[in-house]
């Protein structure tokens, strides 16, 4: 089951290396959570998929948004499409029960 109709709005944050990806639905999972490396995200399929995007350094999931922090040497235009695709794929993946 895929959900291609997921709406994602990207907002800036006070940190130029972080962007807020606001979804039209809540992020699945238990409450808010943050990850600062791929190893910590290993049990979270969506976080694991986002860390698969080169340059992603940290993630924060809260209600209906994901804040992504990137490596300082990279530019947002180079990452946005790949991050949005990772979010869509992660949300469309079947929930493990």
PDB file of N, CA and C in Angstrom:
ATOM      1  N   UNK A   1       0.847  -1.184   0.000  1.00  0.00           N
ATOM      2  CA  UNK A   1       0.000   0.000   0.000  1.00  0.00           C
ATOM      3  C   UNK A   1       0.888   1.242   0.000  1.00  0.00           C
ATOM      4  N   UNK A   2       0.742   2.079  -0.998  1.00  0.00           N
ATOM      5  CA  UNK A   2       1.544   3.293  -1.059  1.00  0.00           C
ATOM      6  C   UNK A   2       0.657   4.503  -0.790  1.00  0.00           C
ATOM      7  N   UNK A   3       1.280   5.564  -0.357  1.00  0.00           N
ATOM      8  CA  UNK A   3       0.554   6.790  -0.068  1.00  0.00           C
ATOM      9  C   UNK A   3       1.223   7.950  -0.798  1.00  0.00           C
ATOM     10  N   UNK A   4       1.047   8.018  -2.135  1.00  0.00           N
ATOM     11  CA  UNK A   4       1.721   9.066  -2.895  1.00  0.00           C
ATOM     12  C   UNK A   4       1.162  10.450  -2.608  1.00  0.00           C
ATOM     13  N   UNK A   5       0.003  10.526  -1.944  1.00  0.00           N
ATOM     14  CA  UNK A   5      -0.637  11.813  -1.712  1.00  0.00           C
ATOM     15  C   UNK A   5      -0.163  12.503  -0.432  1.00  0.00           C
ATOM     16  N   UNK A   6       0.902  12.037   0.157  1.00  0.00           N
ATOM     17  CA  UNK A   6       1.436  12.661   1.366  1.00  0.00           C
ATOM     18  C   UNK A   6       1.905  14.076   1.014  1.00  0.00           C
ATOM     19  N   UNK A   7       1.395  15.056   1.740  1.00  0.00           N
ATOM     20  CA  UNK A   7       1.795  16.441   1.519  1.00  0.00           C
ATOM     21  C   UNK A   7       2.911  16.801   2.498  1.00  0.00           C
ATOM     22  N   UNK A   8       3.990  17.352   1.973  1.00  0.00           N
ATOM     23  CA  UNK A   8       5.134  17.748   2.795  1.00  0.00           C
ATOM     24  C   UNK A   8       5.441  19.212   2.512  1.00  0.00           C
ATOM     25  N   UNK A   9       5.499  20.002   3.571  1.00  0.00           N
ATOM     26  CA  UNK A   9       5.872  21.407   3.461  1.00  0.00           C
ATOM     27  C   UNK A   9       7.202  21.583   4.180  1.00  0.00           C
ATOM     28  N   UNK A  10       8.150  22.239   3.540  1.00  0.00           N
ATOM     29  CA  UNK A  10       9.461  22.441   4.141  1.00  0.00           C
ATOM     30  C   UNK A  10       9.543  23.867   4.689  1.00  0.00           C
ATOM     31  N   UNK A  11       9.945  23.959   5.969  1.00  0.00           N
ATOM     32  CA  UNK A  11      10.090  25.259   6.618  1.00  0.00           C
ATOM     33  C   UNK A  11      11.513  25.398   7.137  1.00  0.00           C
ATOM     34  N   UNK A  12      11.996  26.624   7.139  1.00  0.00           N
ATOM     35  CA  UNK A  12      13.311  26.896   7.699  1.00  0.00           C
ATOM     36  C   UNK A  12      13.257  26.892   9.224  1.00  0.00           C
ATOM     37  N   UNK A  13      14.404  26.862   9.844  1.00  0.00           N
ATOM     38  CA  UNK A  13      14.530  26.940  11.296  1.00  0.00           C
ATOM     39  C   UNK A  13      15.616  27.973  11.599  1.00  0.00           C
ATOM     40  N   UNK A  14      15.760  28.370  12.861  1.00  0.00           N
ATOM     41  CA  UNK A  14      16.849  29.296  13.196  1.00  0.00           C
ATOM     42  C   UNK A  14      18.235  28.743  12.852  1.00  0.00           C
ATOM     43  N   UNK A  15      18.361  27.421  12.822  1.00  0.00           N
ATOM     44  CA  UNK A  15      19.623  26.773  12.451  1.00  0.00           C
ATOM     45  C   UNK A  15      19.650  26.601  10.931  1.00  0.00           C
ATOM     46  N   UNK A  16      20.581  27.228  10.221  1.00  0.00           N
ATOM     47  CA  UNK A  16      20.610  27.095   8.763  1.00  0.00           C
ATOM     48  C   UNK A  16      20.883  25.670   8.279  1.00  0.00           C
ATOM     49  N   UNK A  17      21.378  24.811   9.154  1.00  0.00           N
ATOM     50  CA  UNK A  17      21.633  23.419   8.778  1.00  0.00           C
ATOM     51  C   UNK A  17      20.490  22.491   9.150  1.00  0.00           C
ATOM     52  N   UNK A  18      19.374  23.048   9.617  1.00  0.00           N
ATOM     53  CA  UNK A  18      18.209  22.230   9.971  1.00  0.00           C
ATOM     54  C   UNK A  18      16.990  22.749   9.225  1.00  0.00           C
ATOM     55  N   UNK A  19      16.139  21.831   8.787  1.00  0.00           N
ATOM     56  CA  UNK A  19      14.888  22.190   8.130  1.00  0.00           C
ATOM     57  C   UNK A  19      13.775  21.331   8.716  1.00  0.00           C
ATOM     58  N   UNK A  20      12.597  21.907   8.759  1.00  0.00           N
ATOM     59  CA  UNK A  20      11.423  21.241   9.328  1.00  0.00           C
ATOM     60  C   UNK A  20      10.552  20.757   8.169  1.00  0.00           C
ATOM     61  N   UNK A  21      10.317  19.455   8.108  1.00  0.00           N
ATOM     62  CA  UNK A  21       9.472  18.850   7.090  1.00  0.00           C
ATOM     63  C   UNK A  21       8.125  18.564   7.733  1.00  0.00           C
ATOM     64  N   UNK A  22       7.129  19.405   7.419  1.00  0.00           N
ATOM     65  CA  UNK A  22       5.806  19.311   8.033  1.00  0.00           C
ATOM     66  C   UNK A  22       4.929  18.425   7.148  1.00  0.00           C
ATOM     67  N   UNK A  23       4.319  17.410   7.764  1.00  0.00           N
ATOM     68  CA  UNK A  23       3.490  16.444   7.047  1.00  0.00           C
ATOM     69  C   UNK A  23       2.009  16.751   7.266  1.00  0.00           C
ATOM     70  N   UNK A  24       1.168  16.218   6.398  1.00  0.00           N
ATOM     71  CA  UNK A  24      -0.273  16.391   6.555  1.00  0.00           C
ATOM     72  C   UNK A  24      -0.878  15.303   7.436  1.00  0.00           C
ATOM     73  N   UNK A  25      -0.034  14.619   8.189  1.00  0.00           N
ATOM     74  CA  UNK A  25      -0.461  13.554   9.118  1.00  0.00           C
ATOM     75  C   UNK A  25       0.615  13.407  10.179  1.00  0.00           C
ATOM     76  N   UNK A  26       0.269  12.724  11.255  1.00  0.00           N
ATOM     77  CA  UNK A  26       1.270  12.506  12.299  1.00  0.00           C
ATOM     78  C   UNK A  26       2.317  11.502  11.841  1.00  0.00           C
ATOM     79  N   UNK A  27       3.517  11.687  12.320  1.00  0.00           N
ATOM     80  CA  UNK A  27       4.593  10.736  12.071  1.00  0.00           C
ATOM     81  C   UNK A  27       4.290   9.486  12.904  1.00  0.00           C
ATOM     82  N   UNK A  28       4.305   8.299  12.290  1.00  0.00           N
ATOM     83  CA  UNK A  28       4.033   7.087  13.065  1.00  0.00           C
ATOM     84  C   UNK A  28       5.106   6.840  14.123  1.00  0.00           C
ATOM     85  N   UNK A  29       4.718   6.189  15.186  1.00  0.00           N
ATOM     86  CA  UNK A  29       5.672   5.860  16.245  1.00  0.00           C
ATOM     87  C   UNK A  29       5.232   6.445  17.575  1.00  0.00           C
ATOM     88  N   UNK A  30       5.987   6.114  18.573  1.00  0.00           N
ATOM     89  CA  UNK A  30       5.668   6.528  19.931  1.00  0.00           C
ATOM     90  C   UNK A  30       6.231   7.906  20.257  1.00  0.00           C
ATOM     91  N   UNK A  31       5.390   8.893  20.379  1.00  0.00           N
ATOM     92  CA  UNK A  31       5.791  10.210  20.861  1.00  0.00           C
ATOM     93  C   UNK A  31       6.914  10.860  20.081  1.00  0.00           C
ATOM     94  N   UNK A  32       7.494  11.902  20.690  1.00  0.00           N
ATOM     95  CA  UNK A  32       8.614  12.578  20.035  1.00  0.00           C
ATOM     96  C   UNK A  32       9.897  11.805  20.314  1.00  0.00           C
ATOM     97  N   UNK A  33      10.797  11.866  19.350  1.00  0.00           N
ATOM     98  CA  UNK A  33      12.062  11.155  19.504  1.00  0.00           C
ATOM     99  C   UNK A  33      13.117  11.806  18.631  1.00  0.00           C
ATOM    100  N   UNK A  34      14.365  11.658  19.043  1.00  0.00           N
ATOM    101  CA  UNK A  34      15.453  12.226  18.265  1.00  0.00           C
ATOM    102  C   UNK A  34      16.573  11.215  18.122  1.00  0.00           C
ATOM    103  N   UNK A  35      17.312  11.362  17.024  1.00  0.00           N
ATOM    104  CA  UNK A  35      18.425  10.468  16.713  1.00  0.00           C
ATOM    105  C   UNK A  35      19.600  11.313  16.234  1.00  0.00           C
ATOM    106  N   UNK A  36      20.791  10.970  16.706  1.00  0.00           N
ATOM    107  CA  UNK A  36      21.976  11.723  16.322  1.00  0.00           C
ATOM    108  C   UNK A  36      22.974  10.885  15.535  1.00  0.00           C
ATOM    109  N   UNK A  37      22.628   9.615  15.265  1.00  0.00           N
ATOM    110  CA  UNK A  37      23.462   8.773  14.419  1.00  0.00           C
ATOM    111  C   UNK A  37      22.635   7.585  13.932  1.00  0.00           C
ATOM    112  N   UNK A  38      23.058   6.968  12.838  1.00  0.00           N
ATOM    113  CA  UNK A  38      22.298   5.852  12.269  1.00  0.00           C
ATOM    114  C   UNK A  38      22.136   4.668  13.223  1.00  0.00           C
ATOM    115  N   UNK A  39      23.120   4.429  14.062  1.00  0.00           N
ATOM    116  CA  UNK A  39      23.035   3.291  14.982  1.00  0.00           C
ATOM    117  C   UNK A  39      21.860   3.458  15.941  1.00  0.00           C
ATOM    118  N   UNK A  40      21.655   4.657  16.439  1.00  0.00           N
ATOM    119  CA  UNK A  40      20.547   4.918  17.366  1.00  0.00           C
ATOM    120  C   UNK A  40      19.198   4.757  16.667  1.00  0.00           C
ATOM    121  N   UNK A  41      19.172   4.960  15.347  1.00  0.00           N
ATOM    122  CA  UNK A  41      17.925   4.895  14.588  1.00  0.00           C
ATOM    123  C   UNK A  41      17.628   3.508  14.037  1.00  0.00           C
ATOM    124  N   UNK A  42      18.455   2.540  14.336  1.00  0.00           N
ATOM    125  CA  UNK A  42      18.334   1.215  13.719  1.00  0.00           C
ATOM    126  C   UNK A  42      16.968   0.566  13.922  1.00  0.00           C
ATOM    127  N   UNK A  43      16.281   0.850  15.023  1.00  0.00           N
ATOM    128  CA  UNK A  43      14.987   0.215  15.292  1.00  0.00           C
ATOM    129  C   UNK A  43      13.817   1.025  14.725  1.00  0.00           C
ATOM    130  N   UNK A  44      14.098   2.128  14.067  1.00  0.00           N
ATOM    131  CA  UNK A  44      13.054   3.002  13.529  1.00  0.00           C
ATOM    132  C   UNK A  44      13.200   3.048  12.005  1.00  0.00           C
ATOM    133  N   UNK A  45      12.340   2.333  11.270  1.00  0.00           N
ATOM    134  CA  UNK A  45      12.508   2.235   9.811  1.00  0.00           C
ATOM    135  C   UNK A  45      12.530   3.587   9.090  1.00  0.00           C
ATOM    136  N   UNK A  46      11.685   4.526   9.506  1.00  0.00           N
ATOM    137  CA  UNK A  46      11.674   5.831   8.848  1.00  0.00           C
ATOM    138  C   UNK A  46      12.976   6.581   9.112  1.00  0.00           C
ATOM    139  N   UNK A  47      13.432   6.588  10.351  1.00  0.00           N
ATOM    140  CA  UNK A  47      14.699   7.262  10.688  1.00  0.00           C
ATOM    141  C   UNK A  47      15.862   6.598   9.965  1.00  0.00           C
ATOM    142  N   UNK A  48      15.839   5.285   9.916  1.00  0.00           N
ATOM    143  CA  UNK A  48      16.909   4.546   9.237  1.00  0.00           C
ATOM    144  C   UNK A  48      16.965   4.939   7.756  1.00  0.00           C
ATOM    145  N   UNK A  49      15.801   5.061   7.147  1.00  0.00           N
ATOM    146  CA  UNK A  49      15.738   5.441   5.731  1.00  0.00           C
ATOM    147  C   UNK A  49      16.274   6.866   5.542  1.00  0.00           C
ATOM    148  N   UNK A  50      15.926   7.774   6.459  1.00  0.00           N
ATOM    149  CA  UNK A  50      16.414   9.159   6.344  1.00  0.00           C
ATOM    150  C   UNK A  50      17.921   9.242   6.534  1.00  0.00           C
ATOM    151  N   UNK A  51      18.482   8.447   7.437  1.00  0.00           N
ATOM    152  CA  UNK A  51      19.931   8.443   7.603  1.00  0.00           C
ATOM    153  C   UNK A  51      20.626   7.854   6.373  1.00  0.00           C
ATOM    154  N   UNK A  52      19.878   7.163   5.515  1.00  0.00           N
ATOM    155  CA  UNK A  52      20.424   6.656   4.263  1.00  0.00           C
ATOM    156  C   UNK A  52      20.701   7.761   3.251  1.00  0.00           C
ATOM    157  N   UNK A  53      20.162   8.956   3.502  1.00  0.00           N
ATOM    158  CA  UNK A  53      20.420  10.106   2.629  1.00  0.00           C
ATOM    159  C   UNK A  53      21.764  10.701   3.043  1.00  0.00           C
ATOM    160  N   UNK A  54      22.690  10.755   2.109  1.00  0.00           N
ATOM    161  CA  UNK A  54      24.025  11.280   2.409  1.00  0.00           C
ATOM    162  C   UNK A  54      23.926  12.710   2.933  1.00  0.00           C
ATOM    163  N   UNK A  55      24.553  12.953   4.070  1.00  0.00           N
ATOM    164  CA  UNK A  55      24.574  14.292   4.632  1.00  0.00           C
ATOM    165  C   UNK A  55      23.620  14.509   5.792  1.00  0.00           C
ATOM    166  N   UNK A  56      22.687  13.580   6.021  1.00  0.00           N
ATOM    167  CA  UNK A  56      21.776  13.718   7.166  1.00  0.00           C
ATOM    168  C   UNK A  56      22.562  13.409   8.434  1.00  0.00           C
ATOM    169  N   UNK A  57      22.519  14.337   9.392  1.00  0.00           N
ATOM    170  CA  UNK A  57      23.309  14.206  10.622  1.00  0.00           C
ATOM    171  C   UNK A  57      22.473  13.971  11.869  1.00  0.00           C
ATOM    172  N   UNK A  58      21.215  14.466  11.896  1.00  0.00           N
ATOM    173  CA  UNK A  58      20.364  14.295  13.078  1.00  0.00           C
ATOM    174  C   UNK A  58      18.904  14.427  12.665  1.00  0.00           C
ATOM    175  N   UNK A  59      18.021  13.797  13.454  1.00  0.00           N
ATOM    176  CA  UNK A  59      16.588  13.804  13.174  1.00  0.00           C
ATOM    177  C   UNK A  59      15.825  14.056  14.467  1.00  0.00           C
ATOM    178  N   UNK A  60      14.722  14.778  14.354  1.00  0.00           N
ATOM    179  CA  UNK A  60      13.805  14.969  15.465  1.00  0.00           C
ATOM    180  C   UNK A  60      12.406  14.748  14.932  1.00  0.00           C
ATOM    181  N   UNK A  61      11.671  13.806  15.511  1.00  0.00           N
ATOM    182  CA  UNK A  61      10.290  13.532  15.123  1.00  0.00           C
ATOM    183  C   UNK A  61       9.383  14.062  16.223  1.00  0.00           C
ATOM    184  N   UNK A  62       8.434  14.929  15.868  1.00  0.00           N
ATOM    185  CA  UNK A  62       7.456  15.447  16.817  1.00  0.00           C
ATOM    186  C   UNK A  62       6.123  15.570  16.092  1.00  0.00           C
ATOM    187  N   UNK A  63       5.110  14.924  16.600  1.00  0.00           N
ATOM    188  CA  UNK A  63       3.752  14.978  16.063  1.00  0.00           C
ATOM    189  C   UNK A  63       3.734  14.857  14.546  1.00  0.00           C
ATOM    190  N   UNK A  64       3.521  15.970  13.833  1.00  0.00           N
ATOM    191  CA  UNK A  64       3.381  15.892  12.379  1.00  0.00           C
ATOM    192  C   UNK A  64       4.567  16.497  11.628  1.00  0.00           C
ATOM    193  N   UNK A  65       5.733  16.579  12.288  1.00  0.00           N
ATOM    194  CA  UNK A  65       6.890  17.094  11.545  1.00  0.00           C
ATOM    195  C   UNK A  65       8.167  16.356  11.907  1.00  0.00           C
ATOM    196  N   UNK A  66       9.113  16.459  10.982  1.00  0.00           N
ATOM    197  CA  UNK A  66      10.439  15.873  11.148  1.00  0.00           C
ATOM    198  C   UNK A  66      11.440  16.991  10.914  1.00  0.00           C
ATOM    199  N   UNK A  67      12.285  17.256  11.898  1.00  0.00           N
ATOM    200  CA  UNK A  67      13.367  18.219  11.704  1.00  0.00           C
ATOM    201  C   UNK A  67      14.609  17.431  11.321  1.00  0.00           C
ATOM    202  N   UNK A  68      15.181  17.789  10.186  1.00  0.00           N
ATOM    203  CA  UNK A  68      16.366  17.121   9.669  1.00  0.00           C
ATOM    204  C   UNK A  68      17.529  18.105   9.754  1.00  0.00           C
ATOM    205  N   UNK A  69      18.628  17.665  10.359  1.00  0.00           N
ATOM    206  CA  UNK A  69      19.849  18.463  10.399  1.00  0.00           C
ATOM    207  C   UNK A  69      20.840  17.850   9.421  1.00  0.00           C
ATOM    208  N   UNK A  70      21.421  18.701   8.570  1.00  0.00           N
ATOM    209  CA  UNK A  70      22.339  18.231   7.527  1.00  0.00           C
ATOM    210  C   UNK A  70      23.777  18.613   7.866  1.00  0.00           C
ATOM    211  N   UNK A  71      24.689  18.006   7.167  1.00  0.00           N
ATOM    212  CA  UNK A  71      26.098  18.375   7.268  1.00  0.00           C
ATOM    213  C   UNK A  71      26.263  19.801   6.744  1.00  0.00           C
ATOM    214  N   UNK A  72      27.081  20.590   7.418  1.00  0.00           N
ATOM    215  CA  UNK A  72      27.226  22.015   7.093  1.00  0.00           C
ATOM    216  C   UNK A  72      27.720  22.266   5.669  1.00  0.00           C
ATOM    217  N   UNK A  73      28.526  21.368   5.125  1.00  0.00           N
ATOM    218  CA  UNK A  73      29.105  21.618   3.801  1.00  0.00           C
ATOM    219  C   UNK A  73      28.118  21.363   2.663  1.00  0.00           C
ATOM    220  N   UNK A  74      26.963  20.801   2.952  1.00  0.00           N
ATOM    221  CA  UNK A  74      25.970  20.514   1.911  1.00  0.00           C
ATOM    222  C   UNK A  74      24.926  21.617   1.853  1.00  0.00           C
ATOM    223  N   UNK A  75      24.294  21.751   0.683  1.00  0.00           N
ATOM    224  CA  UNK A  75      23.264  22.771   0.486  1.00  0.00           C
ATOM    225  C   UNK A  75      21.891  22.109   0.434  1.00  0.00           C
ATOM    226  N   UNK A  76      20.877  22.783   0.981  1.00  0.00           N
ATOM    227  CA  UNK A  76      19.523  22.217   1.008  1.00  0.00           C
ATOM    228  C   UNK A  76      18.988  21.847  -0.367  1.00  0.00           C
ATOM    229  N   UNK A  77      19.177  22.671  -1.393  1.00  0.00           N
ATOM    230  CA  UNK A  77      18.620  22.285  -2.704  1.00  0.00           C
ATOM    231  C   UNK A  77      19.108  20.911  -3.185  1.00  0.00           C
ATOM    232  N   UNK A  78      20.297  20.518  -2.750  1.00  0.00           N
ATOM    233  CA  UNK A  78      20.839  19.230  -3.168  1.00  0.00           C
ATOM    234  C   UNK A  78      20.218  18.056  -2.401  1.00  0.00           C
ATOM    235  N   UNK A  79      19.556  18.339  -1.287  1.00  0.00           N
ATOM    236  CA  UNK A  79      19.058  17.280  -0.411  1.00  0.00           C
ATOM    237  C   UNK A  79      17.537  17.170  -0.346  1.00  0.00           C
ATOM    238  N   UNK A  80      16.830  18.252  -0.594  1.00  0.00           N
ATOM    239  CA  UNK A  80      15.383  18.278  -0.349  1.00  0.00           C
ATOM    240  C   UNK A  80      14.622  17.154  -1.032  1.00  0.00           C
ATOM    241  N   UNK A  81      14.859  16.956  -2.313  1.00  0.00           N
ATOM    242  CA  UNK A  81      14.109  15.944  -3.056  1.00  0.00           C
ATOM    243  C   UNK A  81      14.358  14.544  -2.489  1.00  0.00           C
ATOM    244  N   UNK A  82      15.606  14.248  -2.188  1.00  0.00           N
ATOM    245  CA  UNK A  82      15.939  12.923  -1.665  1.00  0.00           C
ATOM    246  C   UNK A  82      15.353  12.703  -0.263  1.00  0.00           C
ATOM    247  N   UNK A  83      15.347  13.745   0.562  1.00  0.00           N
ATOM    248  CA  UNK A  83      14.769  13.629   1.909  1.00  0.00           C
ATOM    249  C   UNK A  83      13.260  13.432   1.814  1.00  0.00           C
ATOM    250  N   UNK A  84      12.598  14.216   0.962  1.00  0.00           N
ATOM    251  CA  UNK A  84      11.148  14.058   0.804  1.00  0.00           C
ATOM    252  C   UNK A  84      10.806  12.666   0.284  1.00  0.00           C
ATOM    253  N   UNK A  85      11.577  12.159  -0.647  1.00  0.00           N
ATOM    254  CA  UNK A  85      11.349  10.809  -1.172  1.00  0.00           C
ATOM    255  C   UNK A  85      11.524   9.770  -0.076  1.00  0.00           C
ATOM    256  N   UNK A  86      12.544   9.931   0.769  1.00  0.00           N
ATOM    257  CA  UNK A  86      12.771   8.996   1.879  1.00  0.00           C
ATOM    258  C   UNK A  86      11.600   9.030   2.863  1.00  0.00           C
ATOM    259  N   UNK A  87      11.052  10.215   3.116  1.00  0.00           N
ATOM    260  CA  UNK A  87       9.896  10.323   4.016  1.00  0.00           C
ATOM    261  C   UNK A  87       8.700   9.606   3.401  1.00  0.00           C
ATOM    262  N   UNK A  88       8.427   9.873   2.119  1.00  0.00           N
ATOM    263  CA  UNK A  88       7.275   9.227   1.458  1.00  0.00           C
ATOM    264  C   UNK A  88       7.429   7.701   1.462  1.00  0.00           C
ATOM    265  N   UNK A  89       8.619   7.227   1.118  1.00  0.00           N
ATOM    266  CA  UNK A  89       8.856   5.767   1.108  1.00  0.00           C
ATOM    267  C   UNK A  89       8.719   5.195   2.504  1.00  0.00           C
ATOM    268  N   UNK A  90       9.254   5.892   3.496  1.00  0.00           N
ATOM    269  CA  UNK A  90       9.184   5.406   4.871  1.00  0.00           C
ATOM    270  C   UNK A  90       7.772   5.345   5.390  1.00  0.00           C
ATOM    271  N   UNK A  91       6.935   6.312   5.010  1.00  0.00           N
ATOM    272  CA  UNK A  91       5.551   6.315   5.466  1.00  0.00           C
ATOM    273  C   UNK A  91       4.702   5.321   4.690  1.00  0.00           C
ATOM    274  N   UNK A  92       5.084   5.017   3.464  1.00  0.00           N
ATOM    275  CA  UNK A  92       4.324   4.070   2.651  1.00  0.00           C
ATOM    276  C   UNK A  92       4.680   2.629   2.975  1.00  0.00           C
ATOM    277  N   UNK A  93       5.844   2.407   3.617  1.00  0.00           N
ATOM    278  CA  UNK A  93       6.252   1.049   3.946  1.00  0.00           C
ATOM    279  C   UNK A  93       5.263   0.449   4.941  1.00  0.00           C
ATOM    280  N   UNK A  94       4.973  -0.828   4.827  1.00  0.00           N
ATOM    281  CA  UNK A  94       4.021  -1.442   5.753  1.00  0.00           C
ATOM    282  C   UNK A  94       4.536  -1.376   7.189  1.00  0.00           C
ATOM    283  N   UNK A  95       3.630  -1.108   8.088  1.00  0.00           N
ATOM    284  CA  UNK A  95       3.975  -1.060   9.511  1.00  0.00           C
ATOM    285  C   UNK A  95       4.323  -2.468   9.990  1.00  0.00           C
ATOM    286  N   UNK A  96       5.388  -2.580  10.760  1.00  0.00           N
ATOM    287  CA  UNK A  96       5.732  -3.871  11.337  1.00  0.00           C
ATOM    288  C   UNK A  96       4.973  -4.014  12.648  1.00  0.00           C
ATOM    289  N   UNK A  97       4.314  -5.175  12.804  1.00  0.00           N
ATOM    290  CA  UNK A  97       3.527  -5.383  14.028  1.00  0.00           C
ATOM    291  C   UNK A  97       4.027  -6.582  14.775  1.00  0.00           C
TER     292      UNK A  97
END
